[in-house]
Structures are given as C-alpha cells and as structure tokens.
PDB file of N, CA and C in Angstrom:
ATOM      1  N   MET A   1     117.037  86.950 127.201  1.00  0.00           N
ATOM      2  CA  MET A   1     116.204  87.959 126.576  1.00  0.00           C
ATOM      3  C   MET A   1     116.403  87.974 124.861  1.00  0.00           C
ATOM      4  N   ASN A   2     115.121  87.982 124.504  1.00  0.00           N
ATOM      5  CA  ASN A   2     114.700  88.264 122.931  1.00  0.00           C
ATOM      6  C   ASN A   2     114.729  89.401 122.565  1.00  0.00           C
ATOM      7  N   LYS A   3     115.297  89.050 121.146  1.00  0.00           N
ATOM      8  CA  LYS A   3     115.500  90.353 120.524  1.00  0.00           C
ATOM      9  C   LYS A   3     114.267  90.614 119.436  1.00  0.00           C
ATOM     10  N   PRO A   4     113.659  92.228 119.254  1.00  0.00           N
ATOM     11  CA  PRO A   4     112.621  91.992 118.870  1.00  0.00           C
ATOM     12  C   PRO A   4     112.895  91.623 117.306  1.00  0.00           C
ATOM     13  N   ILE A   5     111.979  91.375 116.558  1.00  0.00           N
ATOM     14  CA  ILE A   5     111.937  90.830 115.227  1.00  0.00           C
ATOM     15  C   ILE A   5     111.322  92.293 114.227  1.00  0.00           C
ATOM     16  N   PRO A   6     111.906  92.654 113.417  1.00  0.00           N
ATOM     17  CA  PRO A   6     111.171  93.673 112.675  1.00  0.00           C
ATOM     18  C   PRO A   6     110.158  93.076 111.773  1.00  0.00           C
ATOM     19  N   PRO A   7     109.093  93.861 111.543  1.00  0.00           N
ATOM     20  CA  PRO A   7     108.136  93.068 110.712  1.00  0.00           C
ATOM     21  C   PRO A   7     108.330  92.932 109.007  1.00  0.00           C
ATOM     22  N   ILE A   8     107.903  91.986 108.403  1.00  0.00           N
ATOM     23  CA  ILE A   8     108.286  91.807 107.220  1.00  0.00           C
ATOM     24  C   ILE A   8     107.853  92.659 106.431  1.00  0.00           C
ATOM     25  N   SER A   9     108.385  93.287 105.294  1.00  0.00           N
ATOM     26  CA  SER A   9     107.863  94.324 104.731  1.00  0.00           C
ATOM     27  C   SER A   9     107.426  93.419 103.361  1.00  0.00           C
ATOM     28  N   VAL A  10     105.863  93.997 103.220  1.00  0.00           N
ATOM     29  CA  VAL A  10     105.539  93.467 102.024  1.00  0.00           C
ATOM     30  C   VAL A  10     105.026  94.467 100.794  1.00  0.00           C
ATOM     31  N   HIS A  11     105.802  94.403 100.118  1.00  0.00           N
ATOM     32  CA  HIS A  11     105.505  95.756  98.959  1.00  0.00           C
ATOM     33  C   HIS A  11     104.092  95.191  97.978  1.00  0.00           C
ATOM     34  N   CYS A  12     103.525  96.726  97.602  1.00  0.00           N
ATOM     35  CA  CYS A  12     102.387  96.452  97.302  1.00  0.00           C
ATOM     36  C   CYS A  12     102.459  97.900  96.150  1.00  0.00           C
ATOM     37  N   ASP A  13     101.519  97.609  94.895  1.00  0.00           N
ATOM     38  CA  ASP A  13     102.298  98.695  94.005  1.00  0.00           C
ATOM     39  C   ASP A  13     100.433  99.130  93.751  1.00  0.00           C
ATOM     40  N   SER A  14      99.739  98.563  94.664  1.00  0.00           N
ATOM     41  CA  SER A  14      98.321  99.180  94.517  1.00  0.00           C
ATOM     42  C   SER A  14      97.644 100.032  96.074  1.00  0.00           C
ATOM     43  N   GLN A  15      97.556 101.520  95.839  1.00  0.00           N
ATOM     44  CA  GLN A  15      97.334 102.104  96.992  1.00  0.00           C
ATOM     45  C   GLN A  15      95.899 101.685  97.612  1.00  0.00           C
ATOM     46  N   VAL A  16      95.053 101.332  96.593  1.00  0.00           N
ATOM     47  CA  VAL A  16      93.553 101.178  96.960  1.00  0.00           C
ATOM     48  C   VAL A  16      93.730  99.474  97.889  1.00  0.00           C
ATOM     49  N   VAL A  17      94.470  98.824  97.325  1.00  0.00           N
ATOM     50  CA  VAL A  17      94.813  97.414  98.449  1.00  0.00           C
ATOM     51  C   VAL A  17      94.922  98.317 100.033  1.00  0.00           C
ATOM     52  N   ILE A  18      96.244  98.971  99.709  1.00  0.00           N
ATOM     53  CA  ILE A  18      96.764  99.530 101.171  1.00  0.00           C
ATOM     54  C   ILE A  18      95.781 100.027 102.326  1.00  0.00           C
ATOM     55  N   SER A  19      95.167 100.952 101.456  1.00  0.00           N
ATOM     56  CA  SER A  19      94.041 101.640 102.238  1.00  0.00           C
ATOM     57  C   SER A  19      92.582 100.591 102.825  1.00  0.00           C
ATOM     58  N   LYS A  20      92.302  99.589 101.594  1.00  0.00           N
ATOM     59  CA  LYS A  20      91.656  98.691 102.328  1.00  0.00           C
ATOM     60  C   LYS A  20      91.737  97.844 103.222  1.00  0.00           C
ATOM     61  N   VAL A  21      92.996  97.710 103.133  1.00  0.00           N
ATOM     62  CA  VAL A  21      93.475  96.677 104.643  1.00  0.00           C
ATOM     63  C   VAL A  21      93.892  97.337 105.746  1.00  0.00           C
ATOM     64  N   THR A  22      94.207  98.575 105.593  1.00  0.00           N
ATOM     65  CA  THR A  22      94.265  99.501 106.739  1.00  0.00           C
ATOM     66  C   THR A  22      92.826 100.303 107.421  1.00  0.00           C
ATOM     67  N   ARG A  23      91.944 100.310 106.664  1.00  0.00           N
ATOM     68  CA  ARG A  23      90.709 100.479 106.969  1.00  0.00           C
ATOM     69  C   ARG A  23      89.856  99.603 108.146  1.00  0.00           C
ATOM     70  N   LYS A  24      89.458  99.875 109.097  1.00  0.00           N
ATOM     71  CA  LYS A  24      88.580  99.177 110.307  1.00  0.00           C
ATOM     72  C   LYS A  24      87.291  98.701 109.602  1.00  0.00           C
ATOM     73  N   ASN A  25      86.572  99.487 108.677  1.00  0.00           N
ATOM     74  CA  ASN A  25      85.423  99.019 108.045  1.00  0.00           C
ATOM     75  C   ASN A  25      85.781  98.045 106.615  1.00  0.00           C
ATOM     76  N   PHE A  26      85.015  97.155 106.912  1.00  0.00           N
ATOM     77  CA  PHE A  26      85.294  96.209 105.509  1.00  0.00           C
ATOM     78  C   PHE A  26      83.729  96.162 105.089  1.00  0.00           C
ATOM     79  N   ASN A  27      83.444  96.297 104.024  1.00  0.00           N
ATOM     80  CA  ASN A  27      81.930  96.485 103.426  1.00  0.00           C
ATOM     81  C   ASN A  27      81.687  95.391 102.546  1.00  0.00           C
ATOM     82  N   GLU A  28      82.791  94.637 102.275  1.00  0.00           N
ATOM     83  CA  GLU A  28      82.229  93.110 101.044  1.00  0.00           C
ATOM     84  C   GLU A  28      81.541  92.468 101.755  1.00  0.00           C
ATOM     85  N   LYS A  29      80.366  91.856 100.808  1.00  0.00           N
ATOM     86  CA  LYS A  29      79.873  90.910 101.155  1.00  0.00           C
ATOM     87  C   LYS A  29      80.192  89.197 101.097  1.00  0.00           C
ATOM     88  N   ARG A  30      81.475  89.475 100.574  1.00  0.00           N
ATOM     89  CA  ARG A  30      81.961  88.018 100.573  1.00  0.00           C
ATOM     90  C   ARG A  30      82.521  87.729 101.559  1.00  0.00           C
ATOM     91  N   ARG A  31      82.292  86.276 102.283  1.00  0.00           N
ATOM     92  CA  ARG A  31      83.513  85.630 103.623  1.00  0.00           C
ATOM     93  C   ARG A  31      84.508  85.936 103.266  1.00  0.00           C
ATOM     94  N   HIS A  32      85.073  84.778 102.425  1.00  0.00           N
ATOM     95  CA  HIS A  32      86.613  84.650 102.637  1.00  0.00           C
ATOM     96  C   HIS A  32      87.165  85.758 102.240  1.00  0.00           C
ATOM     97  N   LEU A  33      86.589  86.706 101.570  1.00  0.00           N
ATOM     98  CA  LEU A  33      87.527  87.923 101.721  1.00  0.00           C
ATOM     99  C   LEU A  33      87.443  88.744 103.030  1.00  0.00           C
ATOM    100  N   ARG A  34      86.321  88.881 103.531  1.00  0.00           N
ATOM    101  CA  ARG A  34      86.214  89.096 105.122  1.00  0.00           C
ATOM    102  C   ARG A  34      87.202  88.621 106.188  1.00  0.00           C
ATOM    103  N   VAL A  35      87.153  87.223 106.015  1.00  0.00           N
ATOM    104  CA  VAL A  35      88.284  86.437 106.671  1.00  0.00           C
ATOM    105  C   VAL A  35      89.815  86.757 106.509  1.00  0.00           C
ATOM    106  N   ARG A  36      89.982  87.283 104.976  1.00  0.00           N
ATOM    107  CA  ARG A  36      91.311  87.474 104.544  1.00  0.00           C
ATOM    108  C   ARG A  36      91.842  88.623 105.348  1.00  0.00           C
ATOM    109  N   HIS A  37      90.882  89.980 105.043  1.00  0.00           N
ATOM    110  CA  HIS A  37      91.022  91.281 105.696  1.00  0.00           C
ATOM    111  C   HIS A  37      91.233  91.166 106.744  1.00  0.00           C
ATOM    112  N   LYS A  38      90.406  90.726 107.934  1.00  0.00           N
ATOM    113  CA  LYS A  38      90.471  90.440 109.234  1.00  0.00           C
ATOM    114  C   LYS A  38      92.046  89.610 109.518  1.00  0.00           C
ATOM    115  N   SER A  39      92.398  88.838 108.736  1.00  0.00           N
ATOM    116  CA  SER A  39      93.702  88.264 109.138  1.00  0.00           C
ATOM    117  C   SER A  39      94.962  88.880 109.043  1.00  0.00           C
ATOM    118  N   ILE A  40      94.804  89.758 107.678  1.00  0.00           N
ATOM    119  CA  ILE A  40      95.838  90.894 107.133  1.00  0.00           C
ATOM    120  C   ILE A  40      95.991  91.655 108.200  1.00  0.00           C
ATOM    121  N   ARG A  41      94.729  92.527 108.556  1.00  0.00           N
ATOM    122  CA  ARG A  41      94.696  93.494 109.979  1.00  0.00           C
ATOM    123  C   ARG A  41      95.560  93.184 111.232  1.00  0.00           C
ATOM    124  N   ASN A  42      94.781  91.823 111.581  1.00  0.00           N
ATOM    125  CA  ASN A  42      95.758  91.382 112.530  1.00  0.00           C
ATOM    126  C   ASN A  42      97.359  91.065 112.763  1.00  0.00           C
ATOM    127  N   LEU A  43      97.731  90.596 111.088  1.00  0.00           N
ATOM    128  CA  LEU A  43      99.009  90.779 111.050  1.00  0.00           C
ATOM    129  C   LEU A  43      99.509  91.862 111.320  1.00  0.00           C
ATOM    130  N   ILE A  44      99.059  92.889 110.856  1.00  0.00           N
ATOM    131  CA  ILE A  44      99.692  94.464 110.796  1.00  0.00           C
ATOM    132  C   ILE A  44      99.633  95.050 112.285  1.00  0.00           C
ATOM    133  N   SER A  45      98.522  94.741 112.866  1.00  0.00           N
ATOM    134  CA  SER A  45      98.463  95.246 114.237  1.00  0.00           C
ATOM    135  C   SER A  45      99.354  94.796 115.230  1.00  0.00           C
ATOM    136  N   TYR A  46      99.806  93.128 115.068  1.00  0.00           N
ATOM    137  CA  TYR A  46     100.983  92.481 115.837  1.00  0.00           C
ATOM    138  C   TYR A  46     101.869  93.020 115.208  1.00  0.00           C
ATOM    139  N   GLY A  47     102.296  93.503 114.439  1.00  0.00           N
ATOM    140  CA  GLY A  47     103.903  93.631 113.753  1.00  0.00           C
ATOM    141  C   GLY A  47     104.313  92.838 113.026  1.00  0.00           C
ATOM    142  N   VAL A  48     103.644  91.948 112.794  1.00  0.00           N
ATOM    143  CA  VAL A  48     104.406  90.705 112.084  1.00  0.00           C
ATOM    144  C   VAL A  48     104.620  91.201 110.135  1.00  0.00           C
ATOM    145  N   ILE A  49     103.849  92.117 109.587  1.00  0.00           N
ATOM    146  CA  ILE A  49     103.978  92.695 108.444  1.00  0.00           C
ATOM    147  C   ILE A  49     104.168  93.980 108.309  1.00  0.00           C
ATOM    148  N   SER A  50     104.539  94.618 107.299  1.00  0.00           N
ATOM    149  CA  SER A  50     104.079  95.907 107.388  1.00  0.00           C
ATOM    150  C   SER A  50     103.971  96.444 105.650  1.00  0.00           C
ATOM    151  N   LEU A  51     103.032  96.832 105.175  1.00  0.00           N
ATOM    152  CA  LEU A  51     102.731  96.886 104.332  1.00  0.00           C
ATOM    153  C   LEU A  51     103.190  98.434 103.397  1.00  0.00           C
ATOM    154  N   ASP A  52     103.869  98.068 102.368  1.00  0.00           N
ATOM    155  CA  ASP A  52     104.681  99.496 101.853  1.00  0.00           C
ATOM    156  C   ASP A  52     104.393  99.466 100.223  1.00  0.00           C
ATOM    157  N   PHE A  53     103.951 100.922  99.963  1.00  0.00           N
ATOM    158  CA  PHE A  53     103.689 101.179  98.641  1.00  0.00           C
ATOM    159  C   PHE A  53     105.076 101.441  97.883  1.00  0.00           C
ATOM    160  N   VAL A  54     105.083 100.747  96.930  1.00  0.00           N
ATOM    161  CA  VAL A  54     106.174 100.521  95.826  1.00  0.00           C
ATOM    162  C   VAL A  54     105.477 100.795  94.497  1.00  0.00           C
ATOM    163  N   ARG A  55     105.821 101.664  93.695  1.00  0.00           N
ATOM    164  CA  ARG A  55     105.238 102.211  92.132  1.00  0.00           C
ATOM    165  C   ARG A  55     105.861 100.607  91.477  1.00  0.00           C
ATOM    166  N   SER A  56     104.816 100.894  90.257  1.00  0.00           N
ATOM    167  CA  SER A  56     105.050  99.681  89.647  1.00  0.00           C
ATOM    168  C   SER A  56     106.487  99.418  88.762  1.00  0.00           C
ATOM    169  N   LYS A  57     106.933 100.891  88.111  1.00  0.00           N
ATOM    170  CA  LYS A  57     107.878 100.801  87.390  1.00  0.00           C
ATOM    171  C   LYS A  57     109.139 100.406  88.736  1.00  0.00           C
ATOM    172  N   ASN A  58     109.353 100.636  89.778  1.00  0.00           N
ATOM    173  CA  ASN A  58     110.459 100.161  90.812  1.00  0.00           C
ATOM    174  C   ASN A  58     109.908  98.695  91.408  1.00  0.00           C
ATOM    175  N   ASN A  59     108.713  97.878  91.111  1.00  0.00           N
ATOM    176  CA  ASN A  59     108.689  96.565  91.627  1.00  0.00           C
ATOM    177  C   ASN A  59     109.485  95.409  90.789  1.00  0.00           C
ATOM    178  N   ILE A  60     110.509  95.352  91.322  1.00  0.00           N
ATOM    179  CA  ILE A  60     111.261  94.032  90.508  1.00  0.00           C
ATOM    180  C   ILE A  60     110.855  92.573  90.453  1.00  0.00           C
ATOM    181  N   ALA A  61     109.227  92.509  91.280  1.00  0.00           N
ATOM    182  CA  ALA A  61     108.636  91.057  90.892  1.00  0.00           C
ATOM    183  C   ALA A  61     107.863  91.313  89.705  1.00  0.00           C
ATOM    184  N   ASP A  62     107.643  92.032  88.927  1.00  0.00           N
ATOM    185  CA  ASP A  62     106.905  92.559  88.012  1.00  0.00           C
ATOM    186  C   ASP A  62     107.207  91.848  86.885  1.00  0.00           C
ATOM    187  N   PRO A  63     108.342  90.952  86.379  1.00  0.00           N
ATOM    188  CA  PRO A  63     108.381  90.326  85.618  1.00  0.00           C
ATOM    189  C   PRO A  63     108.214  88.897  86.071  1.00  0.00           C
ATOM    190  N   LEU A  64     107.765  88.521  87.237  1.00  0.00           N
ATOM    191  CA  LEU A  64     106.959  87.406  87.470  1.00  0.00           C
ATOM    192  C   LEU A  64     105.570  87.204  87.651  1.00  0.00           C
ATOM    193  N   THR A  65     104.833  88.765  87.277  1.00  0.00           N
ATOM    194  CA  THR A  65     103.497  88.772  87.462  1.00  0.00           C
ATOM    195  C   THR A  65     102.704  89.239  86.118  1.00  0.00           C
ATOM    196  N   LYS A  66     103.662  90.001  85.560  1.00  0.00           N
ATOM    197  CA  LYS A  66     102.737  90.591  84.301  1.00  0.00           C
ATOM    198  C   LYS A  66     103.976  90.530  83.186  1.00  0.00           C
ATOM    199  N   GLY A  67     103.482  90.945  81.686  1.00  0.00           N
ATOM    200  CA  GLY A  67     104.092  90.809  80.806  1.00  0.00           C
ATOM    201  C   GLY A  67     104.867  92.172  80.513  1.00  0.00           C
ATOM    202  N   LEU A  68     106.258  92.090  80.326  1.00  0.00           N
ATOM    203  CA  LEU A  68     107.159  93.608  80.245  1.00  0.00           C
ATOM    204  C   LEU A  68     107.704  93.363  78.922  1.00  0.00           C
ATOM    205  N   THR A  69     108.078  94.394  78.359  1.00  0.00           N
ATOM    206  CA  THR A  69     109.255  94.707  77.415  1.00  0.00           C
ATOM    207  C   THR A  69     110.423  94.280  77.757  1.00  0.00           C
ATOM    208  N   HIS A  70     111.480  93.641  76.513  1.00  0.00           N
ATOM    209  CA  HIS A  70     112.486  93.139  76.582  1.00  0.00           C
ATOM    210  C   HIS A  70     113.656  94.153  77.684  1.00  0.00           C
ATOM    211  N   GLN A  71     113.381  95.043  77.383  1.00  0.00           N
ATOM    212  CA  GLN A  71     114.371  96.206  78.257  1.00  0.00           C
ATOM    213  C   GLN A  71     114.070  96.242  79.937  1.00  0.00           C
ATOM    214  N   GLN A  72     112.418  96.242  80.217  1.00  0.00           N
ATOM    215  CA  GLN A  72     112.323  96.137  81.335  1.00  0.00           C
ATOM    216  C   GLN A  72     112.497  94.774  82.023  1.00  0.00           C
ATOM    217  N   VAL A  73     112.495  93.564  81.481  1.00  0.00           N
ATOM    218  CA  VAL A  73     112.966  92.522  81.993  1.00  0.00           C
ATOM    219  C   VAL A  73     114.457  92.340  82.304  1.00  0.00           C
ATOM    220  N   LEU A  74     115.325  92.949  81.491  1.00  0.00           N
ATOM    221  CA  LEU A  74     116.492  93.306  81.783  1.00  0.00           C
ATOM    222  C   LEU A  74     116.829  93.929  82.709  1.00  0.00           C
ATOM    223  N   GLU A  75     116.082  95.174  83.113  1.00  0.00           N
ATOM    224  CA  GLU A  75     116.693  95.861  83.830  1.00  0.00           C
ATOM    225  C   GLU A  75     116.023  95.465  85.414  1.00  0.00           C
ATOM    226  N   SER A  76     114.965  94.401  85.485  1.00  0.00           N
ATOM    227  CA  SER A  76     114.428  94.135  86.736  1.00  0.00           C
ATOM    228  C   SER A  76     115.389  92.911  86.998  1.00  0.00           C
ATOM    229  N   SER A  77     115.934  92.144  85.826  1.00  0.00           N
ATOM    230  CA  SER A  77     116.406  91.021  86.004  1.00  0.00           C
ATOM    231  C   SER A  77     117.760  91.528  86.762  1.00  0.00           C
ATOM    232  N   ARG A  78     118.810  92.472  86.230  1.00  0.00           N
ATOM    233  CA  ARG A  78     119.673  93.077  86.985  1.00  0.00           C
ATOM    234  C   ARG A  78     119.619  93.477  88.482  1.00  0.00           C
ATOM    235  N   GLU A  79     118.537  93.894  88.653  1.00  0.00           N
ATOM    236  CA  GLU A  79     117.965  94.460  90.211  1.00  0.00           C
ATOM    237  C   GLU A  79     117.607  93.233  91.263  1.00  0.00           C
ATOM    238  N   MET A  80     117.532  92.314  90.547  1.00  0.00           N
ATOM    239  CA  MET A  80     117.400  90.992  91.305  1.00  0.00           C
ATOM    240  C   MET A  80     118.288  90.320  91.646  1.00  0.00           C
ATOM    241  N   GLY A  81     119.665  90.631  90.808  1.00  0.00           N
ATOM    242  CA  GLY A  81     120.913  90.399  90.904  1.00  0.00           C
ATOM    243  C   GLY A  81     121.078  89.180  89.686  1.00  0.00           C
ATOM    244  N   LEU A  82     120.173  89.150  88.700  1.00  0.00           N
ATOM    245  CA  LEU A  82     120.549  87.820  87.673  1.00  0.00           C
ATOM    246  C   LEU A  82     121.362  88.483  86.525  1.00  0.00           C
ATOM    247  N   GLU A  83     122.320  87.867  86.124  1.00  0.00           N
ATOM    248  CA  GLU A  83     122.859  88.342  85.106  1.00  0.00           C
ATOM    249  C   GLU A  83     122.741  87.711  83.477  1.00  0.00           C
ATOM    250  N   PRO A  84     122.573  88.068  82.405  1.00  0.00           N
ATOM    251  CA  PRO A  84     121.923  87.921  81.186  1.00  0.00           C
ATOM    252  C   PRO A  84     122.609  86.487  81.029  1.00  0.00           C
ATOM    253  N   ILE A  85     122.198  85.660  80.031  1.00  0.00           N
ATOM    254  CA  ILE A  85     123.531  84.484  79.527  1.00  0.00           C
ATOM    255  C   ILE A  85     123.319  85.276  78.045  1.00  0.00           C
ATOM    256  N   ILE A  86     124.971  84.701  78.072  1.00  0.00           N
ATOM    257  CA  ILE A  86     125.339  85.327  76.388  1.00  0.00           C
ATOM    258  C   ILE A  86     125.758  84.528  75.707  1.00  0.00           C
TER     259      ILE A  86
END
C-alpha cells in the first residue's frame, strides 16, 4: 500500500506571483511564460507542490537572494542552523 506523499511547500514572498499562478487565465504574450505558468498550475493541481506566502522578514533564504544588513544576515543564518565563526 502506497503512503500519500505531502506536497512540497514552496515559500514565496510575493502575493502577486501567487495570485498569478493560481489564476486560470494567463494573459501574458510571451510563450515561455505561458508554458511555465501551465507547468506550475499542473504541479499545484496534482498536489506535487503548494505555494505558501511568507513575509520577506521571515524568509530565511533572503541572504542568498539579496543584500541585507549585518544583523539580518546573522539572524537568518541562525534560523538556518548556522553558527558564526569567532
């Protein structure tokens, strides 16, 4: 008997992106974006992934994607389980 696999939770700090992906209509004219939109919608509808909103200040991946203050880097590093080198 197969055990159900929970969906992979994808955290996103953009509510606009989440609303665009969950909408059925896609009115962008670029083909590659339309293909990506359909792929993501299929993954969500099949229960492979779920999109969850996370505020930027709570997003521990921020140091990997944008410049932060020294204090923000230390806090997010601790949340990732990293320890500062002394």
